[in-house]
Amino acid sequence: QVQLVESGGGLVQPGGSLRLSCAASGTIFSRDDLGWYRQAPGKQRELVAAISSRGSPNYADSVKGRFTISRDWAKNTVYLQMNSLKPEDTAVYYCNAYKINEGMYYWGKGTLVTVSS
């Protein structure tokens, strides 16, 4: 069983920055994916970024060059550094873990990011 707890959301002006954190409890292996999804009002949930030991980080085209995902292996924590934020980045951001040996996805409860002047 895996539990994910997000933090770091809030209100920020366009062009500003935020860092999201997701602490994972339970058994997470380095080969498992940890990542971030987001869901804006009236839209489907979409992948923002994901990271594992199996390859390079994966980013949505809309955030490349602005967002950076990183992982602290010892703390089982994944971070999302978000720079040059735009109003269209406003969404609930969800932490996600995909455990390869189980073939299962786990989700956090989400943290709201609002980009507005």
Protein backbone atom coordinates (compact mmCIF):
# COMPACT_ATOMS: atom_id res chain seq x y z
CA GLN A 1 0.00 0.00 0.00
CA VAL A 2 1.26 3.45 -0.88
CA GLN A 3 0.11 6.80 0.48
CA LEU A 4 0.97 10.10 -1.14
CA VAL A 5 0.71 13.51 0.51
CA GLU A 6 1.15 16.68 -1.52
CA SER A 7 2.07 20.13 -0.26
CA GLY A 8 3.20 23.48 -1.62
CA GLY A 9 0.22 24.70 -3.62
CA GLY A 10 -1.17 28.19 -3.37
CA LEU A 11 -1.82 31.45 -5.14
CA VAL A 12 0.96 32.96 -7.25
CA GLN A 13 1.14 35.77 -9.78
CA PRO A 14 1.89 35.10 -13.43
CA GLY A 15 5.63 34.70 -13.92
CA GLY A 16 6.10 33.49 -10.36
CA SER A 17 7.33 30.19 -9.00
CA LEU A 18 6.14 27.44 -6.69
CA ARG A 19 7.59 24.15 -5.56
CA LEU A 20 5.31 21.22 -4.92
CA SER A 21 6.35 18.31 -2.73
CA CYS A 22 4.94 14.81 -2.48
CA ALA A 23 5.91 12.51 0.36
CA ALA A 24 5.34 8.83 -0.33
CA SER A 25 4.91 6.23 2.39
CA GLY A 26 4.98 2.52 1.74
CA THR A 27 7.27 0.58 -0.53
CA ILE A 28 8.46 2.57 -3.52
CA PHE A 29 11.23 1.15 -5.65
CA SER A 30 13.55 3.21 -7.75
CA ARG A 31 12.17 1.64 -10.91
CA ASP A 32 8.63 2.75 -10.02
CA ASP A 33 7.32 5.94 -11.58
CA LEU A 34 6.61 8.96 -9.43
CA GLY A 35 5.05 11.95 -11.05
CA TRP A 36 2.62 14.80 -11.19
CA TYR A 37 -0.68 15.17 -12.99
CA ARG A 38 -3.02 18.13 -13.03
CA GLN A 39 -6.68 18.75 -13.65
CA ALA A 40 -8.06 22.15 -14.53
CA PRO A 41 -11.78 22.94 -14.18
CA GLY A 42 -13.75 21.30 -16.96
CA LYS A 43 -10.73 19.45 -18.32
CA GLN A 44 -9.34 15.95 -18.13
CA ARG A 45 -6.49 15.05 -15.85
CA GLU A 46 -3.19 15.24 -17.70
CA LEU A 47 0.39 14.22 -17.09
CA VAL A 48 2.69 17.08 -16.12
CA ALA A 49 5.93 15.23 -15.37
CA ALA A 50 7.15 11.81 -14.28
CA ILE A 51 10.45 10.36 -13.11
CA SER A 52 11.94 6.95 -12.44
CA SER A 53 15.31 5.27 -12.55
CA ARG A 54 14.41 3.64 -15.87
CA GLY A 55 14.93 6.72 -17.99
CA SER A 56 14.99 10.47 -18.33
CA PRO A 57 12.21 12.57 -16.80
CA ASN A 58 9.15 12.93 -18.96
CA TYR A 59 7.39 16.30 -19.33
CA ALA A 60 4.24 17.55 -20.98
CA ASP A 61 5.08 19.83 -23.90
CA SER A 62 3.25 22.69 -22.22
CA VAL A 63 5.64 22.75 -19.24
CA LYS A 64 8.98 21.86 -20.83
CA GLY A 65 11.62 24.41 -19.95
CA ARG A 66 9.54 25.81 -17.09
CA PHE A 67 8.95 22.87 -14.74
CA THR A 68 11.50 20.50 -13.26
CA ILE A 69 10.74 17.22 -11.53
CA SER A 70 13.19 15.75 -9.07
CA ARG A 71 13.23 12.92 -6.58
CA ASP A 72 14.89 12.42 -3.22
CA TRP A 73 15.42 8.67 -3.14
CA ALA A 74 16.26 8.55 0.55
CA LYS A 75 13.15 10.48 1.58
CA ASN A 76 10.81 8.90 -0.97
CA THR A 77 9.79 12.40 -1.94
CA VAL A 78 9.21 13.88 -5.37
CA TYR A 79 9.27 17.58 -6.12
CA LEU A 80 7.94 19.75 -8.89
CA GLN A 81 9.66 23.09 -9.31
CA MET A 82 7.39 25.34 -11.34
CA ASN A 83 8.81 28.55 -12.80
CA SER A 84 7.40 31.17 -15.15
CA LEU A 85 3.90 30.17 -14.16
CA LYS A 86 1.01 31.07 -16.43
CA PRO A 87 -2.71 31.41 -15.74
CA GLU A 88 -3.26 28.25 -17.76
CA ASP A 89 -1.20 26.33 -15.21
CA THR A 90 -4.04 26.82 -12.73
CA ALA A 91 -5.23 23.38 -11.68
CA VAL A 92 -5.33 20.83 -8.92
CA TYR A 93 -2.00 19.03 -9.00
CA TYR A 94 -1.97 15.37 -8.05
CA CYS A 95 0.97 13.24 -7.05
CA ASN A 96 1.02 9.82 -8.68
CA ALA A 97 2.93 6.62 -8.13
CA TYR A 98 2.91 3.70 -10.53
CA LYS A 99 4.22 0.48 -9.03
CA ILE A 100 5.50 -1.69 -11.80
CA ASN A 101 5.35 -5.03 -9.98
CA GLU A 102 1.69 -4.42 -9.06
CA GLY A 103 0.59 -2.67 -12.22
CA MET A 104 -1.27 -0.20 -10.01
CA TYR A 105 -1.54 3.55 -9.79
CA TYR A 106 -1.75 5.41 -6.50
CA TRP A 107 -2.93 9.00 -6.11
CA GLY A 108 -2.64 11.78 -3.59
CA LYS A 109 -5.57 14.03 -2.73
CA GLY A 110 -4.21 16.95 -4.70
CA THR A 111 -3.05 20.49 -4.05
CA LEU A 112 -4.50 23.57 -5.71
CA VAL A 113 -2.29 25.90 -7.70
CA THR A 114 -3.84 29.18 -8.77
CA VAL A 115 -1.95 31.53 -11.07
CA SER A 116 -3.62 34.92 -11.11
CA SER A 117 -2.88 38.60 -10.73
